[in-house]
């Protein structure tokens, strides 16, 4: 079950980071948004908040490199 929430946090962070297209965000902006989403998802699911923030931050920072949030 925790793996499901990690994947959900990754997908959610990528989706939310993609919502910033109108403001021309940097990798740092997307990473901060992703970290927030990941930490929140981990907290709600009872998981490790730091791990959730790390996964979400990485997903947010890298989503444009994989052309997921352009």
PDB file of N, CA and C in Angstrom:
ATOM      1  N   UNK A   1       0.793  -1.190   0.000  1.00  0.00           N
ATOM      2  CA  UNK A   1       0.000   0.000   0.000  1.00  0.00           C
ATOM      3  C   UNK A   1       0.847   1.272   0.000  1.00  0.00           C
ATOM      4  N   UNK A   2       1.963   1.362   0.760  1.00  0.00           N
ATOM      5  CA  UNK A   2       2.769   2.579   0.716  1.00  0.00           C
ATOM      6  C   UNK A   2       3.329   2.869  -0.676  1.00  0.00           C
ATOM      7  N   UNK A   3       3.616   1.827  -1.455  1.00  0.00           N
ATOM      8  CA  UNK A   3       4.132   2.040  -2.806  1.00  0.00           C
ATOM      9  C   UNK A   3       3.073   2.746  -3.657  1.00  0.00           C
ATOM     10  N   UNK A   4       1.805   2.394  -3.442  1.00  0.00           N
ATOM     11  CA  UNK A   4       0.714   3.058  -4.163  1.00  0.00           C
ATOM     12  C   UNK A   4       0.713   4.550  -3.863  1.00  0.00           C
ATOM     13  N   UNK A   5       0.877   4.921  -2.595  1.00  0.00           N
ATOM     14  CA  UNK A   5       0.861   6.327  -2.238  1.00  0.00           C
ATOM     15  C   UNK A   5       2.086   7.063  -2.771  1.00  0.00           C
ATOM     16  N   UNK A   6       3.210   6.366  -2.862  1.00  0.00           N
ATOM     17  CA  UNK A   6       4.397   6.995  -3.449  1.00  0.00           C
ATOM     18  C   UNK A   6       4.162   7.299  -4.921  1.00  0.00           C
ATOM     19  N   UNK A   7       3.552   6.356  -5.615  1.00  0.00           N
ATOM     20  CA  UNK A   7       3.239   6.583  -7.031  1.00  0.00           C
ATOM     21  C   UNK A   7       2.199   7.696  -7.170  1.00  0.00           C
ATOM     22  N   UNK A   8       1.198   7.692  -6.282  1.00  0.00           N
ATOM     23  CA  UNK A   8       0.176   8.738  -6.315  1.00  0.00           C
ATOM     24  C   UNK A   8       0.797  10.107  -6.050  1.00  0.00           C
ATOM     25  N   UNK A   9       1.736  10.185  -5.123  1.00  0.00           N
ATOM     26  CA  UNK A   9       2.411  11.454  -4.851  1.00  0.00           C
ATOM     27  C   UNK A   9       3.230  11.901  -6.048  1.00  0.00           C
ATOM     28  N   UNK A  10       3.890  10.974  -6.698  1.00  0.00           N
ATOM     29  CA  UNK A  10       4.676  11.293  -7.877  1.00  0.00           C
ATOM     30  C   UNK A  10       3.789  11.825  -8.997  1.00  0.00           C
ATOM     31  N   UNK A  11       2.693  11.160  -9.250  1.00  0.00           N
ATOM     32  CA  UNK A  11       1.765  11.603 -10.296  1.00  0.00           C
ATOM     33  C   UNK A  11       1.136  12.938  -9.932  1.00  0.00           C
ATOM     34  N   UNK A  12       0.742  13.077  -8.679  1.00  0.00           N
ATOM     35  CA  UNK A  12       0.136  14.340  -8.236  1.00  0.00           C
ATOM     36  C   UNK A  12       1.098  15.502  -8.321  1.00  0.00           C
ATOM     37  N   UNK A  13       2.331  15.281  -7.926  1.00  0.00           N
ATOM     38  CA  UNK A  13       3.326  16.346  -7.994  1.00  0.00           C
ATOM     39  C   UNK A  13       3.592  16.751  -9.434  1.00  0.00           C
ATOM     40  N   UNK A  14       3.644  15.778 -10.306  1.00  0.00           N
ATOM     41  CA  UNK A  14       3.855  16.088 -11.716  1.00  0.00           C
ATOM     42  C   UNK A  14       2.691  16.889 -12.276  1.00  0.00           C
ATOM     43  N   UNK A  15       1.482  16.489 -11.914  1.00  0.00           N
ATOM     44  CA  UNK A  15       0.295  17.191 -12.413  1.00  0.00           C
ATOM     45  C   UNK A  15       0.225  18.614 -11.883  1.00  0.00           C
ATOM     46  N   UNK A  16       0.493  18.798 -10.606  1.00  0.00           N
ATOM     47  CA  UNK A  16       0.423  20.137 -10.028  1.00  0.00           C
ATOM     48  C   UNK A  16       1.552  21.012 -10.559  1.00  0.00           C
ATOM     49  N   UNK A  17       2.723  20.453 -10.723  1.00  0.00           N
ATOM     50  CA  UNK A  17       3.829  21.240 -11.260  1.00  0.00           C
ATOM     51  C   UNK A  17       3.542  21.691 -12.683  1.00  0.00           C
ATOM     52  N   UNK A  18       2.783  20.917 -13.418  1.00  0.00           N
ATOM     53  CA  UNK A  18       2.413  21.299 -14.769  1.00  0.00           C
ATOM     54  C   UNK A  18       1.414  22.436 -14.826  1.00  0.00           C
ATOM     55  N   UNK A  19       0.749  22.728 -13.733  1.00  0.00           N
ATOM     56  CA  UNK A  19      -0.256  23.798 -13.695  1.00  0.00           C
ATOM     57  C   UNK A  19       0.361  25.191 -13.643  1.00  0.00           C
ATOM     58  N   UNK A  20       1.641  25.302 -13.616  1.00  0.00           N
ATOM     59  CA  UNK A  20       2.302  26.600 -13.491  1.00  0.00           C
ATOM     60  C   UNK A  20       2.764  27.148 -14.830  1.00  0.00           C
ATOM     61  N   UNK A  21       2.230  26.650 -15.919  1.00  0.00           N
ATOM     62  CA  UNK A  21       2.733  27.043 -17.231  1.00  0.00           C
ATOM     63  C   UNK A  21       2.520  28.517 -17.535  1.00  0.00           C
ATOM     64  N   UNK A  22       1.482  29.129 -17.011  1.00  0.00           N
ATOM     65  CA  UNK A  22       1.210  30.524 -17.309  1.00  0.00           C
ATOM     66  C   UNK A  22       2.219  31.483 -16.698  1.00  0.00           C
ATOM     67  N   UNK A  23       3.031  31.020 -15.739  1.00  0.00           N
ATOM     68  CA  UNK A  23       3.970  31.918 -15.065  1.00  0.00           C
ATOM     69  C   UNK A  23       5.426  31.608 -15.390  1.00  0.00           C
ATOM     70  N   UNK A  24       5.673  30.706 -16.328  1.00  0.00           N
ATOM     71  CA  UNK A  24       7.033  30.329 -16.726  1.00  0.00           C
ATOM     72  C   UNK A  24       7.882  29.923 -15.521  1.00  0.00           C
ATOM     73  N   UNK A  25       7.531  28.819 -14.856  1.00  0.00           N
ATOM     74  CA  UNK A  25       8.227  28.405 -13.636  1.00  0.00           C
ATOM     75  C   UNK A  25       9.613  27.846 -13.906  1.00  0.00           C
ATOM     76  N   UNK A  26      10.430  27.922 -12.898  1.00  0.00           N
ATOM     77  CA  UNK A  26      11.764  27.325 -12.956  1.00  0.00           C
ATOM     78  C   UNK A  26      11.705  25.918 -12.359  1.00  0.00           C
ATOM     79  N   UNK A  27      12.794  25.198 -12.451  1.00  0.00           N
ATOM     80  CA  UNK A  27      12.854  23.878 -11.820  1.00  0.00           C
ATOM     81  C   UNK A  27      12.637  23.984 -10.313  1.00  0.00           C
ATOM     82  N   UNK A  28      13.158  25.047  -9.714  1.00  0.00           N
ATOM     83  CA  UNK A  28      12.989  25.243  -8.276  1.00  0.00           C
ATOM     84  C   UNK A  28      11.524  25.435  -7.920  1.00  0.00           C
ATOM     85  N   UNK A  29      10.797  26.214  -8.704  1.00  0.00           N
ATOM     86  CA  UNK A  29       9.368  26.414  -8.457  1.00  0.00           C
ATOM     87  C   UNK A  29       8.626  25.078  -8.508  1.00  0.00           C
ATOM     88  N   UNK A  30       8.893  24.313  -9.547  1.00  0.00           N
ATOM     89  CA  UNK A  30       8.228  23.021  -9.692  1.00  0.00           C
ATOM     90  C   UNK A  30       8.634  22.059  -8.583  1.00  0.00           C
ATOM     91  N   UNK A  31       9.884  22.103  -8.158  1.00  0.00           N
ATOM     92  CA  UNK A  31      10.337  21.226  -7.079  1.00  0.00           C
ATOM     93  C   UNK A  31       9.650  21.571  -5.767  1.00  0.00           C
ATOM     94  N   UNK A  32       9.488  22.848  -5.478  1.00  0.00           N
ATOM     95  CA  UNK A  32       8.811  23.256  -4.248  1.00  0.00           C
ATOM     96  C   UNK A  32       7.344  22.844  -4.252  1.00  0.00           C
ATOM     97  N   UNK A  33       6.693  23.021  -5.380  1.00  0.00           N
ATOM     98  CA  UNK A  33       5.294  22.597  -5.483  1.00  0.00           C
ATOM     99  C   UNK A  33       5.197  21.077  -5.325  1.00  0.00           C
ATOM    100  N   UNK A  34       6.073  20.361  -5.994  1.00  0.00           N
ATOM    101  CA  UNK A  34       6.076  18.901  -5.902  1.00  0.00           C
ATOM    102  C   UNK A  34       6.367  18.406  -4.496  1.00  0.00           C
ATOM    103  N   UNK A  35       7.288  19.059  -3.814  1.00  0.00           N
ATOM    104  CA  UNK A  35       7.607  18.669  -2.439  1.00  0.00           C
ATOM    105  C   UNK A  35       6.411  18.876  -1.525  1.00  0.00           C
ATOM    106  N   UNK A  36       5.707  19.966  -1.725  1.00  0.00           N
ATOM    107  CA  UNK A  36       4.511  20.218  -0.922  1.00  0.00           C
ATOM    108  C   UNK A  36       3.431  19.180  -1.157  1.00  0.00           C
ATOM    109  N   UNK A  37       3.218  18.847  -2.404  1.00  0.00           N
ATOM    110  CA  UNK A  37       2.217  17.828  -2.733  1.00  0.00           C
ATOM    111  C   UNK A  37       2.643  16.468  -2.191  1.00  0.00           C
ATOM    112  N   UNK A  38       3.910  16.130  -2.356  1.00  0.00           N
ATOM    113  CA  UNK A  38       4.403  14.842  -1.860  1.00  0.00           C
ATOM    114  C   UNK A  38       4.320  14.723  -0.352  1.00  0.00           C
ATOM    115  N   UNK A  39       4.678  15.784   0.351  1.00  0.00           N
ATOM    116  CA  UNK A  39       4.613  15.765   1.811  1.00  0.00           C
ATOM    117  C   UNK A  39       3.169  15.652   2.288  1.00  0.00           C
ATOM    118  N   UNK A  40       2.277  16.367   1.628  1.00  0.00           N
ATOM    119  CA  UNK A  40       0.865  16.310   2.006  1.00  0.00           C
ATOM    120  C   UNK A  40       0.293  14.924   1.758  1.00  0.00           C
ATOM    121  N   UNK A  41       0.593  14.354   0.618  1.00  0.00           N
ATOM    122  CA  UNK A  41       0.097  13.012   0.305  1.00  0.00           C
ATOM    123  C   UNK A  41       0.632  11.984   1.299  1.00  0.00           C
ATOM    124  N   UNK A  42       1.895  12.106   1.656  1.00  0.00           N
ATOM    125  CA  UNK A  42       2.479  11.175   2.622  1.00  0.00           C
ATOM    126  C   UNK A  42       1.865  11.352   4.005  1.00  0.00           C
ATOM    127  N   UNK A  43       1.627  12.587   4.389  1.00  0.00           N
ATOM    128  CA  UNK A  43       1.033  12.852   5.688  1.00  0.00           C
ATOM    129  C   UNK A  43      -0.388  12.301   5.779  1.00  0.00           C
ATOM    130  N   UNK A  44      -1.159  12.519   4.743  1.00  0.00           N
ATOM    131  CA  UNK A  44      -2.538  12.041   4.731  1.00  0.00           C
ATOM    132  C   UNK A  44      -2.589  10.512   4.737  1.00  0.00           C
ATOM    133  N   UNK A  45      -1.656   9.886   4.055  1.00  0.00           N
ATOM    134  CA  UNK A  45      -1.665   8.429   3.967  1.00  0.00           C
ATOM    135  C   UNK A  45      -0.959   7.754   5.138  1.00  0.00           C
ATOM    136  N   UNK A  46      -0.376   8.548   6.035  1.00  0.00           N
ATOM    137  CA  UNK A  46       0.326   7.975   7.174  1.00  0.00           C
ATOM    138  C   UNK A  46       1.735   7.525   6.859  1.00  0.00           C
ATOM    139  N   UNK A  47       2.268   7.994   5.739  1.00  0.00           N
ATOM    140  CA  UNK A  47       3.617   7.612   5.339  1.00  0.00           C
ATOM    141  C   UNK A  47       4.673   8.557   5.880  1.00  0.00           C
ATOM    142  N   UNK A  48       5.884   8.381   5.430  1.00  0.00           N
ATOM    143  CA  UNK A  48       7.011   9.206   5.831  1.00  0.00           C
ATOM    144  C   UNK A  48       6.958  10.524   5.060  1.00  0.00           C
ATOM    145  N   UNK A  49       6.764  11.623   5.773  1.00  0.00           N
ATOM    146  CA  UNK A  49       6.585  12.934   5.148  1.00  0.00           C
ATOM    147  C   UNK A  49       7.848  13.379   4.419  1.00  0.00           C
ATOM    148  N   UNK A  50       9.003  13.125   4.984  1.00  0.00           N
ATOM    149  CA  UNK A  50      10.256  13.532   4.352  1.00  0.00           C
ATOM    150  C   UNK A  50      10.470  12.765   3.048  1.00  0.00           C
ATOM    151  N   UNK A  51      10.174  11.494   3.065  1.00  0.00           N
ATOM    152  CA  UNK A  51      10.298  10.699   1.849  1.00  0.00           C
ATOM    153  C   UNK A  51       9.300  11.180   0.789  1.00  0.00           C
ATOM    154  N   UNK A  52       8.087  11.482   1.209  1.00  0.00           N
ATOM    155  CA  UNK A  52       7.083  12.002   0.282  1.00  0.00           C
ATOM    156  C   UNK A  52       7.501  13.324  -0.335  1.00  0.00           C
ATOM    157  N   UNK A  53       8.081  14.202   0.487  1.00  0.00           N
ATOM    158  CA  UNK A  53       8.553  15.488  -0.023  1.00  0.00           C
ATOM    159  C   UNK A  53       9.707  15.303  -0.999  1.00  0.00           C
ATOM    160  N   UNK A  54      10.591  14.363  -0.698  1.00  0.00           N
ATOM    161  CA  UNK A  54      11.728  14.113  -1.596  1.00  0.00           C
ATOM    162  C   UNK A  54      11.259  13.562  -2.944  1.00  0.00           C
ATOM    163  N   UNK A  55      10.322  12.625  -2.906  1.00  0.00           N
ATOM    164  CA  UNK A  55       9.808  12.055  -4.153  1.00  0.00           C
ATOM    165  C   UNK A  55       9.054  13.115  -4.945  1.00  0.00           C
ATOM    166  N   UNK A  56       8.206  13.871  -4.262  1.00  0.00           N
ATOM    167  CA  UNK A  56       7.443  14.919  -4.939  1.00  0.00           C
ATOM    168  C   UNK A  56       8.326  16.021  -5.487  1.00  0.00           C
ATOM    169  N   UNK A  57       9.337  16.407  -4.732  1.00  0.00           N
ATOM    170  CA  UNK A  57      10.260  17.438  -5.202  1.00  0.00           C
ATOM    171  C   UNK A  57      11.028  16.996  -6.432  1.00  0.00           C
ATOM    172  N   UNK A  58      11.479  15.752  -6.418  1.00  0.00           N
ATOM    173  CA  UNK A  58      12.195  15.225  -7.588  1.00  0.00           C
ATOM    174  C   UNK A  58      11.276  15.158  -8.799  1.00  0.00           C
ATOM    175  N   UNK A  59      10.051  14.720  -8.581  1.00  0.00           N
ATOM    176  CA  UNK A  59       9.098  14.636  -9.690  1.00  0.00           C
ATOM    177  C   UNK A  59       8.793  16.018 -10.257  1.00  0.00           C
ATOM    178  N   UNK A  60       8.617  16.983  -9.381  1.00  0.00           N
ATOM    179  CA  UNK A  60       8.333  18.340  -9.842  1.00  0.00           C
ATOM    180  C   UNK A  60       9.495  18.952 -10.602  1.00  0.00           C
ATOM    181  N   UNK A  61      10.692  18.743 -10.101  1.00  0.00           N
ATOM    182  CA  UNK A  61      11.865  19.331 -10.750  1.00  0.00           C
ATOM    183  C   UNK A  61      12.154  18.681 -12.092  1.00  0.00           C
ATOM    184  N   UNK A  62      11.869  17.406 -12.226  1.00  0.00           N
ATOM    185  CA  UNK A  62      12.229  16.675 -13.435  1.00  0.00           C
ATOM    186  C   UNK A  62      11.093  16.517 -14.435  1.00  0.00           C
ATOM    187  N   UNK A  63       9.891  16.977 -14.095  1.00  0.00           N
ATOM    188  CA  UNK A  63       8.765  16.706 -14.990  1.00  0.00           C
ATOM    189  C   UNK A  63       8.942  17.368 -16.350  1.00  0.00           C
ATOM    190  N   UNK A  64       9.546  18.543 -16.418  1.00  0.00           N
ATOM    191  CA  UNK A  64       9.734  19.171 -17.732  1.00  0.00           C
ATOM    192  C   UNK A  64      10.881  18.513 -18.514  1.00  0.00           C
ATOM    193  N   UNK A  65      11.825  17.910 -17.823  1.00  0.00           N
ATOM    194  CA  UNK A  65      12.916  17.214 -18.503  1.00  0.00           C
ATOM    195  C   UNK A  65      12.412  15.978 -19.238  1.00  0.00           C
ATOM    196  N   UNK A  66      11.349  15.390 -18.715  1.00  0.00           N
ATOM    197  CA  UNK A  66      10.730  14.222 -19.355  1.00  0.00           C
ATOM    198  C   UNK A  66       9.515  14.626 -20.179  1.00  0.00           C
ATOM    199  N   UNK A  67       9.332  15.909 -20.376  1.00  0.00           N
ATOM    200  CA  UNK A  67       8.257  16.498 -21.167  1.00  0.00           C
ATOM    201  C   UNK A  67       6.883  16.063 -20.705  1.00  0.00           C
ATOM    202  N   UNK A  68       6.700  16.023 -19.365  1.00  0.00           N
ATOM    203  CA  UNK A  68       5.412  15.673 -18.790  1.00  0.00           C
ATOM    204  C   UNK A  68       4.589  16.908 -18.422  1.00  0.00           C
ATOM    205  N   UNK A  69       5.241  18.043 -18.278  1.00  0.00           N
ATOM    206  CA  UNK A  69       4.514  19.242 -17.834  1.00  0.00           C
ATOM    207  C   UNK A  69       4.866  20.458 -18.680  1.00  0.00           C
ATOM    208  N   UNK A  70       4.868  20.285 -19.979  1.00  0.00           N
ATOM    209  CA  UNK A  70       5.200  21.416 -20.842  1.00  0.00           C
ATOM    210  C   UNK A  70       3.952  22.004 -21.426  1.00  0.00           C
TER     211      UNK A  70
END
